[in-house]
């Protein structure tokens, strides 16, 4: 059985490694952590990230289509988009443009 606290900590460790100007998805993080079907749990972890891990780049985690589905968990509805734009990404109608070129896959980037 998946230990939620431990899983959340692992999610936060991966989020800390997402490079500036790149984004990843809930599913990519879940797959990297060996829990391919647990993207929703990654989402739950991201919803709680502001409580104790506010220094992490939560704005760099989006859904599998590049949509800013987590934007309502920020201080304002535009904060997530503003942070991504400040890193050079283009966002239109809550979606990252040229998503594939900005996608950071932890399974590839962190391969041993």
PDB file of N, CA and C in Angstrom:
ATOM      1  N   UNK A   1       0.840  -1.183   0.000  1.00  0.00           N
ATOM      2  CA  UNK A   1       0.000   0.000   0.000  1.00  0.00           C
ATOM      3  C   UNK A   1       0.885   1.246   0.000  1.00  0.00           C
ATOM      4  N   UNK A   2       0.440   2.239  -0.716  1.00  0.00           N
ATOM      5  CA  UNK A   2       1.187   3.470  -0.877  1.00  0.00           C
ATOM      6  C   UNK A   2       1.081   4.328   0.374  1.00  0.00           C
ATOM      7  N   UNK A   3       2.236   4.679   0.961  1.00  0.00           N
ATOM      8  CA  UNK A   3       2.271   5.579   2.116  1.00  0.00           C
ATOM      9  C   UNK A   3       2.164   7.002   1.588  1.00  0.00           C
ATOM     10  N   UNK A   4       1.045   7.663   1.887  1.00  0.00           N
ATOM     11  CA  UNK A   4       0.756   8.979   1.322  1.00  0.00           C
ATOM     12  C   UNK A   4       1.826  10.018   1.655  1.00  0.00           C
ATOM     13  N   UNK A   5       2.242  10.105   2.893  1.00  0.00           N
ATOM     14  CA  UNK A   5       3.238  11.111   3.295  1.00  0.00           C
ATOM     15  C   UNK A   5       4.556  10.888   2.561  1.00  0.00           C
ATOM     16  N   UNK A   6       4.981   9.657   2.483  1.00  0.00           N
ATOM     17  CA  UNK A   6       6.223   9.332   1.786  1.00  0.00           C
ATOM     18  C   UNK A   6       6.100   9.632   0.290  1.00  0.00           C
ATOM     19  N   UNK A   7       4.962   9.286  -0.287  1.00  0.00           N
ATOM     20  CA  UNK A   7       4.728   9.548  -1.705  1.00  0.00           C
ATOM     21  C   UNK A   7       4.749  11.051  -1.975  1.00  0.00           C
ATOM     22  N   UNK A   8       4.081  11.825  -1.132  1.00  0.00           N
ATOM     23  CA  UNK A   8       4.066  13.275  -1.293  1.00  0.00           C
ATOM     24  C   UNK A   8       5.483  13.828  -1.222  1.00  0.00           C
ATOM     25  N   UNK A   9       6.284  13.354  -0.286  1.00  0.00           N
ATOM     26  CA  UNK A   9       7.675  13.805  -0.174  1.00  0.00           C
ATOM     27  C   UNK A   9       8.462  13.491  -1.445  1.00  0.00           C
ATOM     28  N   UNK A  10       8.221  12.325  -2.022  1.00  0.00           N
ATOM     29  CA  UNK A  10       8.891  11.954  -3.272  1.00  0.00           C
ATOM     30  C   UNK A  10       8.453  12.872  -4.409  1.00  0.00           C
ATOM     31  N   UNK A  11       7.172  13.192  -4.445  1.00  0.00           N
ATOM     32  CA  UNK A  11       6.665  14.131  -5.453  1.00  0.00           C
ATOM     33  C   UNK A  11       7.400  15.461  -5.316  1.00  0.00           C
ATOM     34  N   UNK A  12       7.513  15.957  -4.089  1.00  0.00           N
ATOM     35  CA  UNK A  12       8.156  17.249  -3.859  1.00  0.00           C
ATOM     36  C   UNK A  12       9.633  17.216  -4.252  1.00  0.00           C
ATOM     37  N   UNK A  13      10.286  16.086  -4.059  1.00  0.00           N
ATOM     38  CA  UNK A  13      11.690  15.957  -4.465  1.00  0.00           C
ATOM     39  C   UNK A  13      11.819  16.081  -5.979  1.00  0.00           C
ATOM     40  N   UNK A  14      10.884  15.486  -6.714  1.00  0.00           N
ATOM     41  CA  UNK A  14      10.913  15.578  -8.184  1.00  0.00           C
ATOM     42  C   UNK A  14      10.597  17.008  -8.622  1.00  0.00           C
ATOM     43  N   UNK A  15       9.580  17.614  -8.024  1.00  0.00           N
ATOM     44  CA  UNK A  15       9.198  18.977  -8.385  1.00  0.00           C
ATOM     45  C   UNK A  15      10.375  19.932  -8.193  1.00  0.00           C
ATOM     46  N   UNK A  16      11.151  19.733  -7.166  1.00  0.00           N
ATOM     47  CA  UNK A  16      12.307  20.591  -6.899  1.00  0.00           C
ATOM     48  C   UNK A  16      13.331  20.542  -8.036  1.00  0.00           C
ATOM     49  N   UNK A  17      13.321  19.485  -8.823  1.00  0.00           N
ATOM     50  CA  UNK A  17      14.314  19.301  -9.879  1.00  0.00           C
ATOM     51  C   UNK A  17      13.868  19.803 -11.253  1.00  0.00           C
ATOM     52  N   UNK A  18      12.625  20.232 -11.389  1.00  0.00           N
ATOM     53  CA  UNK A  18      12.130  20.698 -12.694  1.00  0.00           C
ATOM     54  C   UNK A  18      12.873  21.990 -13.045  1.00  0.00           C
ATOM     55  N   UNK A  19      13.557  21.999 -14.176  1.00  0.00           N
ATOM     56  CA  UNK A  19      14.344  23.188 -14.541  1.00  0.00           C
ATOM     57  C   UNK A  19      13.465  24.394 -14.886  1.00  0.00           C
ATOM     58  N   UNK A  20      14.007  25.556 -14.665  1.00  0.00           N
ATOM     59  CA  UNK A  20      13.346  26.799 -15.045  1.00  0.00           C
ATOM     60  C   UNK A  20      13.061  26.773 -16.550  1.00  0.00           C
ATOM     61  N   UNK A  21      11.868  27.189 -16.931  1.00  0.00           N
ATOM     62  CA  UNK A  21      11.493  27.200 -18.340  1.00  0.00           C
ATOM     63  C   UNK A  21      10.979  25.880 -18.859  1.00  0.00           C
ATOM     64  N   UNK A  22      10.858  24.891 -17.986  1.00  0.00           N
ATOM     65  CA  UNK A  22      10.334  23.575 -18.350  1.00  0.00           C
ATOM     66  C   UNK A  22       9.115  23.266 -17.497  1.00  0.00           C
ATOM     67  N   UNK A  23       8.308  22.336 -17.960  1.00  0.00           N
ATOM     68  CA  UNK A  23       7.144  21.874 -17.208  1.00  0.00           C
ATOM     69  C   UNK A  23       7.067  20.361 -17.318  1.00  0.00           C
ATOM     70  N   UNK A  24       6.371  19.780 -16.371  1.00  0.00           N
ATOM     71  CA  UNK A  24       6.104  18.351 -16.426  1.00  0.00           C
ATOM     72  C   UNK A  24       4.645  18.138 -16.044  1.00  0.00           C
ATOM     73  N   UNK A  25       4.220  16.888 -16.097  1.00  0.00           N
ATOM     74  CA  UNK A  25       2.818  16.591 -15.804  1.00  0.00           C
ATOM     75  C   UNK A  25       2.699  15.730 -14.551  1.00  0.00           C
ATOM     76  N   UNK A  26       1.497  15.714 -14.025  1.00  0.00           N
ATOM     77  CA  UNK A  26       1.203  14.870 -12.864  1.00  0.00           C
ATOM     78  C   UNK A  26       1.518  13.414 -13.193  1.00  0.00           C
ATOM     79  N   UNK A  27       1.105  12.991 -14.372  1.00  0.00           N
ATOM     80  CA  UNK A  27       1.324  11.604 -14.788  1.00  0.00           C
ATOM     81  C   UNK A  27       2.784  11.257 -14.966  1.00  0.00           C
ATOM     82  N   UNK A  28       3.564  12.196 -15.489  1.00  0.00           N
ATOM     83  CA  UNK A  28       5.000  11.943 -15.678  1.00  0.00           C
ATOM     84  C   UNK A  28       5.694  11.763 -14.334  1.00  0.00           C
ATOM     85  N   UNK A  29       5.283  12.541 -13.355  1.00  0.00           N
ATOM     86  CA  UNK A  29       5.857  12.395 -12.016  1.00  0.00           C
ATOM     87  C   UNK A  29       5.453  11.052 -11.429  1.00  0.00           C
ATOM     88  N   UNK A  30       4.185  10.688 -11.562  1.00  0.00           N
ATOM     89  CA  UNK A  30       3.706   9.402 -11.035  1.00  0.00           C
ATOM     90  C   UNK A  30       4.449   8.241 -11.680  1.00  0.00           C
ATOM     91  N   UNK A  31       4.618   8.301 -12.993  1.00  0.00           N
ATOM     92  CA  UNK A  31       5.329   7.238 -13.708  1.00  0.00           C
ATOM     93  C   UNK A  31       6.768   7.138 -13.219  1.00  0.00           C
ATOM     94  N   UNK A  32       7.440   8.269 -13.072  1.00  0.00           N
ATOM     95  CA  UNK A  32       8.815   8.266 -12.595  1.00  0.00           C
ATOM     96  C   UNK A  32       8.920   7.622 -11.211  1.00  0.00           C
ATOM     97  N   UNK A  33       7.917   7.865 -10.383  1.00  0.00           N
ATOM     98  CA  UNK A  33       7.937   7.317  -9.015  1.00  0.00           C
ATOM     99  C   UNK A  33       7.471   5.866  -8.953  1.00  0.00           C
ATOM    100  N   UNK A  34       7.216   5.268 -10.114  1.00  0.00           N
ATOM    101  CA  UNK A  34       6.830   3.865 -10.160  1.00  0.00           C
ATOM    102  C   UNK A  34       5.367   3.627  -9.835  1.00  0.00           C
ATOM    103  N   UNK A  35       4.556   4.668  -9.942  1.00  0.00           N
ATOM    104  CA  UNK A  35       3.118   4.577  -9.650  1.00  0.00           C
ATOM    105  C   UNK A  35       2.333   5.158 -10.811  1.00  0.00           C
ATOM    106  N   UNK A  36       2.485   4.526 -11.966  1.00  0.00           N
ATOM    107  CA  UNK A  36       1.932   5.058 -13.207  1.00  0.00           C
ATOM    108  C   UNK A  36       0.476   5.516 -13.102  1.00  0.00           C
ATOM    109  N   UNK A  37      -0.351   4.818 -12.385  1.00  0.00           N
ATOM    110  CA  UNK A  37      -1.760   5.176 -12.285  1.00  0.00           C
ATOM    111  C   UNK A  37      -2.089   6.156 -11.183  1.00  0.00           C
ATOM    112  N   UNK A  38      -1.086   6.809 -10.631  1.00  0.00           N
ATOM    113  CA  UNK A  38      -1.307   7.668  -9.459  1.00  0.00           C
ATOM    114  C   UNK A  38      -1.185   9.160  -9.746  1.00  0.00           C
ATOM    115  N   UNK A  39      -1.515   9.570 -10.954  1.00  0.00           N
ATOM    116  CA  UNK A  39      -1.401  10.995 -11.267  1.00  0.00           C
ATOM    117  C   UNK A  39      -2.336  11.834 -10.391  1.00  0.00           C
ATOM    118  N   UNK A  40      -3.459  11.268 -10.021  1.00  0.00           N
ATOM    119  CA  UNK A  40      -4.381  12.002  -9.129  1.00  0.00           C
ATOM    120  C   UNK A  40      -3.743  12.229  -7.758  1.00  0.00           C
ATOM    121  N   UNK A  41      -2.991  11.234  -7.267  1.00  0.00           N
ATOM    122  CA  UNK A  41      -2.291  11.408  -5.988  1.00  0.00           C
ATOM    123  C   UNK A  41      -1.223  12.504  -6.095  1.00  0.00           C
ATOM    124  N   UNK A  42      -0.570  12.583  -7.250  1.00  0.00           N
ATOM    125  CA  UNK A  42       0.394  13.669  -7.470  1.00  0.00           C
ATOM    126  C   UNK A  42      -0.352  14.996  -7.411  1.00  0.00           C
ATOM    127  N   UNK A  43      -1.533  15.033  -7.996  1.00  0.00           N
ATOM    128  CA  UNK A  43      -2.360  16.242  -7.937  1.00  0.00           C
ATOM    129  C   UNK A  43      -2.705  16.616  -6.509  1.00  0.00           C
ATOM    130  N   UNK A  44      -3.043  15.634  -5.697  1.00  0.00           N
ATOM    131  CA  UNK A  44      -3.339  15.906  -4.286  1.00  0.00           C
ATOM    132  C   UNK A  44      -2.107  16.479  -3.584  1.00  0.00           C
ATOM    133  N   UNK A  45      -0.944  15.916  -3.889  1.00  0.00           N
ATOM    134  CA  UNK A  45       0.297  16.429  -3.300  1.00  0.00           C
ATOM    135  C   UNK A  45       0.526  17.877  -3.729  1.00  0.00           C
ATOM    136  N   UNK A  46       0.271  18.156  -4.999  1.00  0.00           N
ATOM    137  CA  UNK A  46       0.471  19.515  -5.504  1.00  0.00           C
ATOM    138  C   UNK A  46      -0.515  20.489  -4.861  1.00  0.00           C
ATOM    139  N   UNK A  47      -1.722  20.036  -4.593  1.00  0.00           N
ATOM    140  CA  UNK A  47      -2.712  20.901  -3.935  1.00  0.00           C
ATOM    141  C   UNK A  47      -2.253  21.321  -2.547  1.00  0.00           C
ATOM    142  N   UNK A  48      -1.451  20.482  -1.904  1.00  0.00           N
ATOM    143  CA  UNK A  48      -0.999  20.755  -0.542  1.00  0.00           C
ATOM    144  C   UNK A  48       0.397  21.374  -0.482  1.00  0.00           C
ATOM    145  N   UNK A  49       1.040  21.535  -1.615  1.00  0.00           N
ATOM    146  CA  UNK A  49       2.433  21.975  -1.648  1.00  0.00           C
ATOM    147  C   UNK A  49       2.628  23.355  -1.021  1.00  0.00           C
ATOM    148  N   UNK A  50       1.612  24.209  -1.118  1.00  0.00           N
ATOM    149  CA  UNK A  50       1.751  25.574  -0.609  1.00  0.00           C
ATOM    150  C   UNK A  50       1.754  25.637   0.917  1.00  0.00           C
ATOM    151  N   UNK A  51       1.277  24.586   1.559  1.00  0.00           N
ATOM    152  CA  UNK A  51       1.210  24.580   3.022  1.00  0.00           C
ATOM    153  C   UNK A  51       2.585  24.472   3.673  1.00  0.00           C
ATOM    154  N   UNK A  52       3.471  23.680   3.097  1.00  0.00           N
ATOM    155  CA  UNK A  52       4.763  23.488   3.752  1.00  0.00           C
ATOM    156  C   UNK A  52       5.961  23.508   2.803  1.00  0.00           C
ATOM    157  N   UNK A  53       5.692  23.588   1.514  1.00  0.00           N
ATOM    158  CA  UNK A  53       6.778  23.570   0.537  1.00  0.00           C
ATOM    159  C   UNK A  53       6.604  24.697  -0.481  1.00  0.00           C
ATOM    160  N   UNK A  54       6.298  25.878  -0.002  1.00  0.00           N
ATOM    161  CA  UNK A  54       5.975  26.996  -0.894  1.00  0.00           C
ATOM    162  C   UNK A  54       7.161  27.434  -1.754  1.00  0.00           C
ATOM    163  N   UNK A  55       8.359  27.012  -1.403  1.00  0.00           N
ATOM    164  CA  UNK A  55       9.550  27.374  -2.174  1.00  0.00           C
ATOM    165  C   UNK A  55       9.700  26.546  -3.457  1.00  0.00           C
ATOM    166  N   UNK A  56       8.928  25.481  -3.581  1.00  0.00           N
ATOM    167  CA  UNK A  56       9.040  24.604  -4.743  1.00  0.00           C
ATOM    168  C   UNK A  56       8.309  25.197  -5.951  1.00  0.00           C
ATOM    169  N   UNK A  57       8.797  24.895  -7.162  1.00  0.00           N
ATOM    170  CA  UNK A  57       8.192  25.452  -8.375  1.00  0.00           C
ATOM    171  C   UNK A  57       6.923  24.701  -8.814  1.00  0.00           C
ATOM    172  N   UNK A  58       5.889  24.799  -8.013  1.00  0.00           N
ATOM    173  CA  UNK A  58       4.632  24.101  -8.294  1.00  0.00           C
ATOM    174  C   UNK A  58       4.016  24.546  -9.615  1.00  0.00           C
ATOM    175  N   UNK A  59       4.331  25.754 -10.041  1.00  0.00           N
ATOM    176  CA  UNK A  59       3.771  26.266 -11.296  1.00  0.00           C
ATOM    177  C   UNK A  59       4.265  25.487 -12.510  1.00  0.00           C
ATOM    178  N   UNK A  60       5.287  24.683 -12.346  1.00  0.00           N
ATOM    179  CA  UNK A  60       5.847  23.909 -13.456  1.00  0.00           C
ATOM    180  C   UNK A  60       5.197  22.540 -13.622  1.00  0.00           C
ATOM    181  N   UNK A  61       4.144  22.272 -12.869  1.00  0.00           N
ATOM    182  CA  UNK A  61       3.432  20.990 -12.989  1.00  0.00           C
ATOM    183  C   UNK A  61       2.041  21.273 -13.555  1.00  0.00           C
ATOM    184  N   UNK A  62       1.770  20.676 -14.698  1.00  0.00           N
ATOM    185  CA  UNK A  62       0.522  20.896 -15.423  1.00  0.00           C
ATOM    186  C   UNK A  62      -0.087  19.549 -15.801  1.00  0.00           C
ATOM    187  N   UNK A  63      -1.235  19.580 -16.459  1.00  0.00           N
ATOM    188  CA  UNK A  63      -1.805  18.289 -16.854  1.00  0.00           C
ATOM    189  C   UNK A  63      -1.147  17.784 -18.134  1.00  0.00           C
ATOM    190  N   UNK A  64      -1.536  16.620 -18.569  1.00  0.00           N
ATOM    191  CA  UNK A  64      -0.874  15.952 -19.702  1.00  0.00           C
ATOM    192  C   UNK A  64      -1.023  16.683 -21.026  1.00  0.00           C
ATOM    193  N   UNK A  65      -1.937  17.648 -21.083  1.00  0.00           N
ATOM    194  CA  UNK A  65      -2.131  18.438 -22.295  1.00  0.00           C
ATOM    195  C   UNK A  65      -1.539  19.835 -22.185  1.00  0.00           C
ATOM    196  N   UNK A  66      -0.845  20.109 -21.084  1.00  0.00           N
ATOM    197  CA  UNK A  66      -0.250  21.417 -20.891  1.00  0.00           C
ATOM    198  C   UNK A  66      -1.206  22.459 -20.346  1.00  0.00           C
ATOM    199  N   UNK A  67      -2.323  22.011 -19.791  1.00  0.00           N
ATOM    200  CA  UNK A  67      -3.299  22.929 -19.207  1.00  0.00           C
ATOM    201  C   UNK A  67      -2.936  23.260 -17.767  1.00  0.00           C
ATOM    202  N   UNK A  68      -3.179  24.492 -17.374  1.00  0.00           N
ATOM    203  CA  UNK A  68      -2.869  24.957 -16.022  1.00  0.00           C
ATOM    204  C   UNK A  68      -4.009  24.595 -15.071  1.00  0.00           C
ATOM    205  N   UNK A  69      -4.213  23.324 -14.854  1.00  0.00           N
ATOM    206  CA  UNK A  69      -5.332  22.855 -14.035  1.00  0.00           C
ATOM    207  C   UNK A  69      -5.154  23.173 -12.556  1.00  0.00           C
ATOM    208  N   UNK A  70      -3.951  23.459 -12.128  1.00  0.00           N
ATOM    209  CA  UNK A  70      -3.702  23.760 -10.717  1.00  0.00           C
ATOM    210  C   UNK A  70      -3.719  25.243 -10.393  1.00  0.00           C
ATOM    211  N   UNK A  71      -4.117  26.071 -11.321  1.00  0.00           N
ATOM    212  CA  UNK A  71      -3.998  27.522 -11.147  1.00  0.00           C
ATOM    213  C   UNK A  71      -4.794  28.069  -9.971  1.00  0.00           C
ATOM    214  N   UNK A  72      -5.849  27.404  -9.582  1.00  0.00           N
ATOM    215  CA  UNK A  72      -6.684  27.910  -8.498  1.00  0.00           C
ATOM    216  C   UNK A  72      -6.077  27.682  -7.119  1.00  0.00           C
ATOM    217  N   UNK A  73      -4.964  26.982  -7.066  1.00  0.00           N
ATOM    218  CA  UNK A  73      -4.292  26.731  -5.792  1.00  0.00           C
ATOM    219  C   UNK A  73      -3.189  27.755  -5.519  1.00  0.00           C
ATOM    220  N   UNK A  74      -3.108  28.762  -6.382  1.00  0.00           N
ATOM    221  CA  UNK A  74      -2.134  29.834  -6.210  1.00  0.00           C
ATOM    222  C   UNK A  74      -2.824  31.059  -5.606  1.00  0.00           C
ATOM    223  N   UNK A  75      -2.029  32.041  -5.207  1.00  0.00           N
ATOM    224  CA  UNK A  75      -2.552  33.253  -4.567  1.00  0.00           C
ATOM    225  C   UNK A  75      -3.605  33.961  -5.409  1.00  0.00           C
ATOM    226  N   UNK A  76      -3.437  33.936  -6.715  1.00  0.00           N
ATOM    227  CA  UNK A  76      -4.420  34.535  -7.616  1.00  0.00           C
ATOM    228  C   UNK A  76      -4.586  33.599  -8.816  1.00  0.00           C
ATOM    229  N   UNK A  77      -5.699  33.704  -9.532  1.00  0.00           N
ATOM    230  CA  UNK A  77      -5.929  32.811 -10.679  1.00  0.00           C
ATOM    231  C   UNK A  77      -4.919  32.985 -11.814  1.00  0.00           C
ATOM    232  N   UNK A  78      -4.172  34.092 -11.823  1.00  0.00           N
ATOM    233  CA  UNK A  78      -3.191  34.303 -12.892  1.00  0.00           C
ATOM    234  C   UNK A  78      -1.748  34.071 -12.441  1.00  0.00           C
ATOM    235  N   UNK A  79      -1.540  33.785 -11.174  1.00  0.00           N
ATOM    236  CA  UNK A  79      -0.176  33.643 -10.625  1.00  0.00           C
ATOM    237  C   UNK A  79       0.620  32.540 -11.333  1.00  0.00           C
ATOM    238  N   UNK A  80       0.000  31.378 -11.557  1.00  0.00           N
ATOM    239  CA  UNK A  80       0.693  30.259 -12.199  1.00  0.00           C
ATOM    240  C   UNK A  80       1.134  30.668 -13.611  1.00  0.00           C
ATOM    241  N   UNK A  81       0.230  31.257 -14.348  1.00  0.00           N
ATOM    242  CA  UNK A  81       0.543  31.717 -15.700  1.00  0.00           C
ATOM    243  C   UNK A  81       1.631  32.779 -15.676  1.00  0.00           C
ATOM    244  N   UNK A  82       1.530  33.722 -14.764  1.00  0.00           N
ATOM    245  CA  UNK A  82       2.529  34.789 -14.668  1.00  0.00           C
ATOM    246  C   UNK A  82       3.925  34.227 -14.408  1.00  0.00           C
ATOM    247  N   UNK A  83       4.010  33.236 -13.538  1.00  0.00           N
ATOM    248  CA  UNK A  83       5.303  32.621 -13.226  1.00  0.00           C
ATOM    249  C   UNK A  83       5.879  31.901 -14.443  1.00  0.00           C
ATOM    250  N   UNK A  84       5.025  31.195 -15.175  1.00  0.00           N
ATOM    251  CA  UNK A  84       5.488  30.489 -16.373  1.00  0.00           C
ATOM    252  C   UNK A  84       5.938  31.474 -17.456  1.00  0.00           C
ATOM    253  N   UNK A  85       5.191  32.536 -17.637  1.00  0.00           N
ATOM    254  CA  UNK A  85       5.561  33.559 -18.615  1.00  0.00           C
ATOM    255  C   UNK A  85       6.896  34.199 -18.239  1.00  0.00           C
ATOM    256  N   UNK A  86       7.111  34.409 -16.943  1.00  0.00           N
ATOM    257  CA  UNK A  86       8.378  35.006 -16.494  1.00  0.00           C
ATOM    258  C   UNK A  86       9.568  34.097 -16.789  1.00  0.00           C
ATOM    259  N   UNK A  87       9.294  32.808 -17.035  1.00  0.00           N
ATOM    260  CA  UNK A  87      10.351  31.852 -17.370  1.00  0.00           C
ATOM    261  C   UNK A  87      10.466  31.629 -18.883  1.00  0.00           C
ATOM    262  N   UNK A  88       9.709  32.416 -19.645  1.00  0.00           N
ATOM    263  CA  UNK A  88       9.842  32.353 -21.095  1.00  0.00           C
ATOM    264  C   UNK A  88       8.819  31.506 -21.821  1.00  0.00           C
ATOM    265  N   UNK A  89       7.875  30.923 -21.122  1.00  0.00           N
ATOM    266  CA  UNK A  89       6.849  30.120 -21.766  1.00  0.00           C
ATOM    267  C   UNK A  89       5.714  31.021 -22.252  1.00  0.00           C
ATOM    268  N   UNK A  90       5.034  30.584 -23.271  1.00  0.00           N
ATOM    269  CA  UNK A  90       3.866  31.300 -23.771  1.00  0.00           C
ATOM    270  C   UNK A  90       2.642  30.509 -23.351  1.00  0.00           C
ATOM    271  N   UNK A  91       1.698  31.208 -22.725  1.00  0.00           N
ATOM    272  CA  UNK A  91       0.474  30.573 -22.230  1.00  0.00           C
ATOM    273  C   UNK A  91      -0.713  31.317 -22.823  1.00  0.00           C
ATOM    274  N   UNK A  92      -1.596  30.567 -23.462  1.00  0.00           N
ATOM    275  CA  UNK A  92      -2.819  31.146 -24.019  1.00  0.00           C
ATOM    276  C   UNK A  92      -4.004  30.309 -23.565  1.00  0.00           C
ATOM    277  N   UNK A  93      -5.009  30.999 -23.046  1.00  0.00           N
ATOM    278  CA  UNK A  93      -6.226  30.338 -22.575  1.00  0.00           C
ATOM    279  C   UNK A  93      -5.897  29.163 -21.644  1.00  0.00           C
ATOM    280  N   UNK A  94      -5.006  29.428 -20.695  1.00  0.00           N
ATOM    281  CA  UNK A  94      -4.599  28.451 -19.673  1.00  0.00           C
ATOM    282  C   UNK A  94      -3.876  27.226 -20.229  1.00  0.00           C
ATOM    283  N   UNK A  95      -3.301  27.339 -21.397  1.00  0.00           N
ATOM    284  CA  UNK A  95      -2.558  26.225 -21.981  1.00  0.00           C
ATOM    285  C   UNK A  95      -1.195  26.683 -22.459  1.00  0.00           C
ATOM    286  N   UNK A  96      -0.189  25.858 -22.190  1.00  0.00           N
ATOM    287  CA  UNK A  96       1.182  26.155 -22.605  1.00  0.00           C
ATOM    288  C   UNK A  96       1.315  25.894 -24.098  1.00  0.00           C
ATOM    289  N   UNK A  97       1.773  26.907 -24.804  1.00  0.00           N
ATOM    290  CA  UNK A  97       2.019  26.763 -26.232  1.00  0.00           C
ATOM    291  C   UNK A  97       3.347  26.037 -26.435  1.00  0.00           C
ATOM    292  N   UNK A  98       3.423  25.252 -27.488  1.00  0.00           N
ATOM    293  CA  UNK A  98       4.629  24.485 -27.795  1.00  0.00           C
ATOM    294  C   UNK A  98       4.999  23.579 -26.613  1.00  0.00           C
ATOM    295  N   UNK A  99       3.978  22.986 -26.042  1.00  0.00           N
ATOM    296  CA  UNK A  99       4.118  22.152 -24.839  1.00  0.00           C
ATOM    297  C   UNK A  99       5.193  21.081 -24.979  1.00  0.00           C
ATOM    298  N   UNK A 100       5.225  20.399 -26.101  1.00  0.00           N
ATOM    299  CA  UNK A 100       6.182  19.297 -26.277  1.00  0.00           C
ATOM    300  C   UNK A 100       7.634  19.764 -26.146  1.00  0.00           C
ATOM    301  N   UNK A 101       7.926  20.969 -26.599  1.00  0.00           N
ATOM    302  CA  UNK A 101       9.301  21.469 -26.520  1.00  0.00           C
ATOM    303  C   UNK A 101       9.671  21.978 -25.135  1.00  0.00           C
ATOM    304  N   UNK A 102       8.677  22.192 -24.285  1.00  0.00           N
ATOM    305  CA  UNK A 102       8.939  22.659 -22.924  1.00  0.00           C
ATOM    306  C   UNK A 102       8.770  21.533 -21.899  1.00  0.00           C
ATOM    307  N   UNK A 103       8.359  20.364 -22.382  1.00  0.00           N
ATOM    308  CA  UNK A 103       8.074  19.253 -21.480  1.00  0.00           C
ATOM    309  C   UNK A 103       9.359  18.635 -20.945  1.00  0.00           C
ATOM    310  N   UNK A 104       9.401  18.461 -19.646  1.00  0.00           N
ATOM    311  CA  UNK A 104      10.526  17.825 -18.955  1.00  0.00           C
ATOM    312  C   UNK A 104      10.029  16.490 -18.417  1.00  0.00           C
ATOM    313  N   UNK A 105      10.599  15.410 -18.929  1.00  0.00           N
ATOM    314  CA  UNK A 105      10.192  14.071 -18.520  1.00  0.00           C
ATOM    315  C   UNK A 105      11.193  13.558 -17.484  1.00  0.00           C
ATOM    316  N   UNK A 106      10.762  13.439 -16.222  1.00  0.00           N
ATOM    317  CA  UNK A 106      11.708  12.985 -15.192  1.00  0.00           C
ATOM    318  C   UNK A 106      12.243  11.591 -15.448  1.00  0.00           C
ATOM    319  N   UNK A 107      11.480  10.754 -16.135  1.00  0.00           N
ATOM    320  CA  UNK A 107      11.937   9.398 -16.406  1.00  0.00           C
ATOM    321  C   UNK A 107      13.165   9.415 -17.317  1.00  0.00           C
ATOM    322  N   UNK A 108      13.223  10.377 -18.200  1.00  0.00           N
ATOM    323  CA  UNK A 108      14.389  10.518 -19.100  1.00  0.00           C
ATOM    324  C   UNK A 108      15.465  11.367 -18.439  1.00  0.00           C
ATOM    325  N   UNK A 109      15.069  12.521 -17.907  1.00  0.00           N
ATOM    326  CA  UNK A 109      16.037  13.468 -17.335  1.00  0.00           C
ATOM    327  C   UNK A 109      16.756  12.922 -16.113  1.00  0.00           C
ATOM    328  N   UNK A 110      16.073  12.097 -15.357  1.00  0.00           N
ATOM    329  CA  UNK A 110      16.664  11.578 -14.108  1.00  0.00           C
ATOM    330  C   UNK A 110      17.066  10.109 -14.217  1.00  0.00           C
ATOM    331  N   UNK A 111      17.167   9.607 -15.431  1.00  0.00           N
ATOM    332  CA  UNK A 111      17.557   8.205 -15.635  1.00  0.00           C
ATOM    333  C   UNK A 111      18.967   7.974 -15.107  1.00  0.00           C
ATOM    334  N   UNK A 112      19.131   6.848 -14.485  1.00  0.00           N
ATOM    335  CA  UNK A 112      20.445   6.506 -13.923  1.00  0.00           C
ATOM    336  C   UNK A 112      21.214   5.660 -14.918  1.00  0.00           C
TER     337      UNK A 112
END
